[in-house]
């Protein structure tokens, strides 16, 4: 058991919902992304899930959960949402909406209630690794642990 478990609002959310998770700490690297965290943990980057905070052209924020080794097609996502365009939020807005820093953004325990979309194949993985709310901190969960977030399945990966 790790003595240095960060107590983030994500961890508090998981505990309050009685969701089992395995914490994994690693040395965070600026611009290292999921390739670095996957290598640090010795897992397939496909199982490392990015929490991406995006907004529509009218500044409506939303979260997309995406495989580490894939990108979001903003065209496909905009089409799915029925809006003109979608783009990544600024780092300041990521923090404003979620309470987390870029690179340490978890879908659990976010400051504002945002709509959450998940690439549908994520929900088929046996285990996944997702940010626990701090840079250098991933949590290992089953897709069932995402249930309290009520993610809408999408197919927007490229």
C-alpha atoms as a PDB file:
ATOM      1  CA  UNK A   1       0.000   0.000   0.000  1.00  0.00           C
ATOM      2  CA  UNK A   2       1.372   3.404  -0.915  1.00  0.00           C
ATOM      3  CA  UNK A   3       1.751   5.765   1.987  1.00  0.00           C
ATOM      4  CA  UNK A   4       1.793   8.781  -0.320  1.00  0.00           C
ATOM      5  CA  UNK A   5      -1.715   8.464  -1.739  1.00  0.00           C
ATOM      6  CA  UNK A   6      -2.762  11.969  -2.850  1.00  0.00           C
ATOM      7  CA  UNK A   7      -6.170  12.819  -1.403  1.00  0.00           C
ATOM      8  CA  UNK A   8      -7.662  14.630  -4.379  1.00  0.00           C
ATOM      9  CA  UNK A   9     -11.328  15.423  -4.934  1.00  0.00           C
ATOM     10  CA  UNK A  10     -11.234  12.492  -7.394  1.00  0.00           C
ATOM     11  CA  UNK A  11     -10.115  10.107  -4.639  1.00  0.00           C
ATOM     12  CA  UNK A  12     -12.785  11.522  -2.305  1.00  0.00           C
ATOM     13  CA  UNK A  13     -15.421  10.977  -5.022  1.00  0.00           C
ATOM     14  CA  UNK A  14     -14.334   7.357  -5.564  1.00  0.00           C
ATOM     15  CA  UNK A  15     -14.342   6.660  -1.831  1.00  0.00           C
ATOM     16  CA  UNK A  16     -17.754   8.241  -1.291  1.00  0.00           C
ATOM     17  CA  UNK A  17     -19.151   6.103  -4.137  1.00  0.00           C
ATOM     18  CA  UNK A  18     -17.422   2.967  -2.758  1.00  0.00           C
ATOM     19  CA  UNK A  19     -15.517   2.494  -6.031  1.00  0.00           C
ATOM     20  CA  UNK A  20     -12.468   0.236  -5.810  1.00  0.00           C
ATOM     21  CA  UNK A  21      -9.310   1.568  -7.433  1.00  0.00           C
ATOM     22  CA  UNK A  22      -5.584   0.848  -7.436  1.00  0.00           C
ATOM     23  CA  UNK A  23      -3.424   3.978  -7.165  1.00  0.00           C
ATOM     24  CA  UNK A  24      -0.293   4.351  -9.295  1.00  0.00           C
ATOM     25  CA  UNK A  25       2.192   7.179  -8.800  1.00  0.00           C
ATOM     26  CA  UNK A  26       4.865   7.973 -11.375  1.00  0.00           C
ATOM     27  CA  UNK A  27       7.198  10.862 -12.164  1.00  0.00           C
ATOM     28  CA  UNK A  28       5.184  13.331 -14.233  1.00  0.00           C
ATOM     29  CA  UNK A  29       6.849  14.850 -17.257  1.00  0.00           C
ATOM     30  CA  UNK A  30       5.785  18.039 -19.043  1.00  0.00           C
ATOM     31  CA  UNK A  31       4.621  17.045 -22.561  1.00  0.00           C
ATOM     32  CA  UNK A  32       5.214  13.374 -21.646  1.00  0.00           C
ATOM     33  CA  UNK A  33       1.535  12.601 -22.128  1.00  0.00           C
ATOM     34  CA  UNK A  34       0.070   9.128 -22.004  1.00  0.00           C
ATOM     35  CA  UNK A  35       3.105   7.584 -23.752  1.00  0.00           C
ATOM     36  CA  UNK A  36       5.223   8.538 -20.735  1.00  0.00           C
ATOM     37  CA  UNK A  37       2.675   7.451 -18.101  1.00  0.00           C
ATOM     38  CA  UNK A  38       2.042   4.132 -19.906  1.00  0.00           C
ATOM     39  CA  UNK A  39       5.795   3.442 -20.112  1.00  0.00           C
ATOM     40  CA  UNK A  40       6.247   4.417 -16.436  1.00  0.00           C
ATOM     41  CA  UNK A  41       3.540   1.955 -15.368  1.00  0.00           C
ATOM     42  CA  UNK A  42       4.493  -0.721 -17.907  1.00  0.00           C
ATOM     43  CA  UNK A  43       1.006  -0.802 -19.449  1.00  0.00           C
ATOM     44  CA  UNK A  44      -0.372  -0.455 -22.970  1.00  0.00           C
ATOM     45  CA  UNK A  45      -1.023   3.194 -23.860  1.00  0.00           C
ATOM     46  CA  UNK A  46      -4.419   2.111 -25.259  1.00  0.00           C
ATOM     47  CA  UNK A  47      -5.499   1.390 -21.644  1.00  0.00           C
ATOM     48  CA  UNK A  48      -4.372   4.801 -20.390  1.00  0.00           C
ATOM     49  CA  UNK A  49      -7.360   7.101 -20.736  1.00  0.00           C
ATOM     50  CA  UNK A  50      -7.043  10.845 -21.336  1.00  0.00           C
ATOM     51  CA  UNK A  51      -9.567  13.193 -19.725  1.00  0.00           C
ATOM     52  CA  UNK A  52      -9.953  15.930 -22.335  1.00  0.00           C
ATOM     53  CA  UNK A  53     -11.806  19.144 -21.548  1.00  0.00           C
ATOM     54  CA  UNK A  54     -13.243  20.678 -24.703  1.00  0.00           C
ATOM     55  CA  UNK A  55     -15.754  23.398 -25.472  1.00  0.00           C
ATOM     56  CA  UNK A  56     -18.196  24.131 -28.253  1.00  0.00           C
ATOM     57  CA  UNK A  57     -18.178  27.336 -30.301  1.00  0.00           C
ATOM     58  CA  UNK A  58     -20.613  28.818 -27.745  1.00  0.00           C
ATOM     59  CA  UNK A  59     -18.174  27.949 -24.924  1.00  0.00           C
ATOM     60  CA  UNK A  60     -20.160  25.024 -23.555  1.00  0.00           C
ATOM     61  CA  UNK A  61     -17.618  22.798 -21.793  1.00  0.00           C
ATOM     62  CA  UNK A  62     -17.635  19.010 -21.962  1.00  0.00           C
ATOM     63  CA  UNK A  63     -15.312  16.114 -21.208  1.00  0.00           C
ATOM     64  CA  UNK A  64     -14.236  13.375 -23.589  1.00  0.00           C
ATOM     65  CA  UNK A  65     -12.535  10.235 -22.292  1.00  0.00           C
ATOM     66  CA  UNK A  66     -10.197   8.905 -24.980  1.00  0.00           C
ATOM     67  CA  UNK A  67      -7.607   6.145 -25.373  1.00  0.00           C
ATOM     68  CA  UNK A  68      -4.075   7.476 -24.858  1.00  0.00           C
ATOM     69  CA  UNK A  69      -3.013   6.299 -28.300  1.00  0.00           C
ATOM     70  CA  UNK A  70      -5.915   7.946 -30.118  1.00  0.00           C
ATOM     71  CA  UNK A  71      -7.062  11.513 -30.790  1.00  0.00           C
ATOM     72  CA  UNK A  72     -10.564  12.996 -30.813  1.00  0.00           C
ATOM     73  CA  UNK A  73     -11.949  13.896 -34.221  1.00  0.00           C
ATOM     74  CA  UNK A  74     -13.431  17.286 -33.340  1.00  0.00           C
ATOM     75  CA  UNK A  75     -15.424  17.149 -36.610  1.00  0.00           C
ATOM     76  CA  UNK A  76     -17.064  13.847 -35.660  1.00  0.00           C
ATOM     77  CA  UNK A  77     -17.699  15.074 -32.126  1.00  0.00           C
ATOM     78  CA  UNK A  78     -19.266  18.351 -33.318  1.00  0.00           C
ATOM     79  CA  UNK A  79     -21.471  16.362 -35.687  1.00  0.00           C
ATOM     80  CA  UNK A  80     -22.516  14.033 -32.840  1.00  0.00           C
ATOM     81  CA  UNK A  81     -23.270  16.999 -30.548  1.00  0.00           C
ATOM     82  CA  UNK A  82     -25.067  18.922 -33.290  1.00  0.00           C
ATOM     83  CA  UNK A  83     -22.861  21.988 -32.863  1.00  0.00           C
ATOM     84  CA  UNK A  84     -20.630  23.918 -35.290  1.00  0.00           C
ATOM     85  CA  UNK A  85     -17.249  23.192 -33.753  1.00  0.00           C
ATOM     86  CA  UNK A  86     -15.423  21.843 -30.722  1.00  0.00           C
ATOM     87  CA  UNK A  87     -11.954  22.795 -29.530  1.00  0.00           C
ATOM     88  CA  UNK A  88      -9.756  22.166 -26.485  1.00  0.00           C
ATOM     89  CA  UNK A  89     -10.274  24.499 -23.526  1.00  0.00           C
ATOM     90  CA  UNK A  90      -7.474  26.803 -22.433  1.00  0.00           C
ATOM     91  CA  UNK A  91      -5.499  25.516 -19.411  1.00  0.00           C
ATOM     92  CA  UNK A  92      -7.115  28.273 -17.285  1.00  0.00           C
ATOM     93  CA  UNK A  93     -10.607  27.126 -18.277  1.00  0.00           C
ATOM     94  CA  UNK A  94      -9.747  23.471 -17.672  1.00  0.00           C
ATOM     95  CA  UNK A  95      -8.930  24.436 -14.082  1.00  0.00           C
ATOM     96  CA  UNK A  96     -11.962  26.723 -13.810  1.00  0.00           C
ATOM     97  CA  UNK A  97     -14.372  23.982 -14.924  1.00  0.00           C
ATOM     98  CA  UNK A  98     -12.770  20.972 -13.234  1.00  0.00           C
ATOM     99  CA  UNK A  99     -10.660  22.270 -10.347  1.00  0.00           C
ATOM    100  CA  UNK A 100      -7.707  20.319 -11.785  1.00  0.00           C
ATOM    101  CA  UNK A 101      -4.533  21.318 -13.629  1.00  0.00           C
ATOM    102  CA  UNK A 102      -3.904  20.239 -17.220  1.00  0.00           C
ATOM    103  CA  UNK A 103      -1.947  16.980 -16.964  1.00  0.00           C
ATOM    104  CA  UNK A 104      -3.707  16.171 -13.702  1.00  0.00           C
ATOM    105  CA  UNK A 105      -7.321  16.237 -14.811  1.00  0.00           C
ATOM    106  CA  UNK A 106      -9.619  13.457 -13.618  1.00  0.00           C
ATOM    107  CA  UNK A 107     -13.264  12.978 -14.639  1.00  0.00           C
ATOM    108  CA  UNK A 108     -14.021  12.165 -10.982  1.00  0.00           C
ATOM    109  CA  UNK A 109     -14.795  14.901  -8.457  1.00  0.00           C
ATOM    110  CA  UNK A 110     -14.864  17.780 -10.926  1.00  0.00           C
ATOM    111  CA  UNK A 111     -15.862  21.245  -9.753  1.00  0.00           C
ATOM    112  CA  UNK A 112     -18.694  21.770 -12.259  1.00  0.00           C
ATOM    113  CA  UNK A 113     -21.048  19.100 -13.490  1.00  0.00           C
ATOM    114  CA  UNK A 114     -20.059  18.639 -17.146  1.00  0.00           C
ATOM    115  CA  UNK A 115     -21.444  16.285 -19.778  1.00  0.00           C
ATOM    116  CA  UNK A 116     -19.032  13.360 -20.166  1.00  0.00           C
ATOM    117  CA  UNK A 117     -18.542  11.378 -23.366  1.00  0.00           C
ATOM    118  CA  UNK A 118     -16.452   8.204 -23.549  1.00  0.00           C
ATOM    119  CA  UNK A 119     -15.042   6.558 -26.648  1.00  0.00           C
ATOM    120  CA  UNK A 120     -17.193   3.401 -26.647  1.00  0.00           C
ATOM    121  CA  UNK A 121     -14.258   0.970 -26.867  1.00  0.00           C
ATOM    122  CA  UNK A 122     -12.983   2.238 -23.477  1.00  0.00           C
ATOM    123  CA  UNK A 123     -16.027   0.620 -21.889  1.00  0.00           C
ATOM    124  CA  UNK A 124     -14.908  -2.772 -23.294  1.00  0.00           C
ATOM    125  CA  UNK A 125     -11.430  -2.731 -21.703  1.00  0.00           C
ATOM    126  CA  UNK A 126     -10.838  -5.162 -18.812  1.00  0.00           C
ATOM    127  CA  UNK A 127      -8.990  -2.456 -16.797  1.00  0.00           C
ATOM    128  CA  UNK A 128      -8.185   1.141 -17.470  1.00  0.00           C
ATOM    129  CA  UNK A 129      -5.805   3.723 -16.068  1.00  0.00           C
ATOM    130  CA  UNK A 130      -7.145   7.238 -15.679  1.00  0.00           C
ATOM    131  CA  UNK A 131      -5.961  10.348 -13.902  1.00  0.00           C
ATOM    132  CA  UNK A 132      -6.759  10.481 -10.193  1.00  0.00           C
ATOM    133  CA  UNK A 133      -6.704  14.290  -9.993  1.00  0.00           C
ATOM    134  CA  UNK A 134      -3.002  15.114  -9.805  1.00  0.00           C
ATOM    135  CA  UNK A 135      -0.048  15.128 -12.185  1.00  0.00           C
ATOM    136  CA  UNK A 136       1.829  11.824 -11.893  1.00  0.00           C
ATOM    137  CA  UNK A 137      -1.144   9.985 -10.357  1.00  0.00           C
ATOM    138  CA  UNK A 138      -3.157   7.407 -12.278  1.00  0.00           C
ATOM    139  CA  UNK A 139      -5.808   5.133 -10.853  1.00  0.00           C
ATOM    140  CA  UNK A 140      -6.531   1.665 -12.144  1.00  0.00           C
ATOM    141  CA  UNK A 141     -10.241   0.895 -12.358  1.00  0.00           C
ATOM    142  CA  UNK A 142     -12.708  -1.235 -14.299  1.00  0.00           C
ATOM    143  CA  UNK A 143     -14.952   0.508 -16.847  1.00  0.00           C
ATOM    144  CA  UNK A 144     -17.864  -0.123 -14.446  1.00  0.00           C
ATOM    145  CA  UNK A 145     -16.285   2.466 -12.128  1.00  0.00           C
ATOM    146  CA  UNK A 146     -17.214   5.127 -14.706  1.00  0.00           C
ATOM    147  CA  UNK A 147     -20.930   4.414 -14.175  1.00  0.00           C
ATOM    148  CA  UNK A 148     -21.530   7.237 -11.623  1.00  0.00           C
ATOM    149  CA  UNK A 149     -20.346   9.701 -14.294  1.00  0.00           C
ATOM    150  CA  UNK A 150     -23.030   8.425 -16.708  1.00  0.00           C
ATOM    151  CA  UNK A 151     -20.727   8.776 -19.719  1.00  0.00           C
ATOM    152  CA  UNK A 152     -22.377   8.916 -23.146  1.00  0.00           C
ATOM    153  CA  UNK A 153     -20.646   6.418 -25.459  1.00  0.00           C
ATOM    154  CA  UNK A 154     -19.341   7.981 -28.690  1.00  0.00           C
ATOM    155  CA  UNK A 155     -17.211   6.893 -31.640  1.00  0.00           C
ATOM    156  CA  UNK A 156     -15.013   9.886 -32.360  1.00  0.00           C
ATOM    157  CA  UNK A 157     -11.496   8.394 -32.245  1.00  0.00           C
ATOM    158  CA  UNK A 158      -8.924   8.877 -34.983  1.00  0.00           C
END
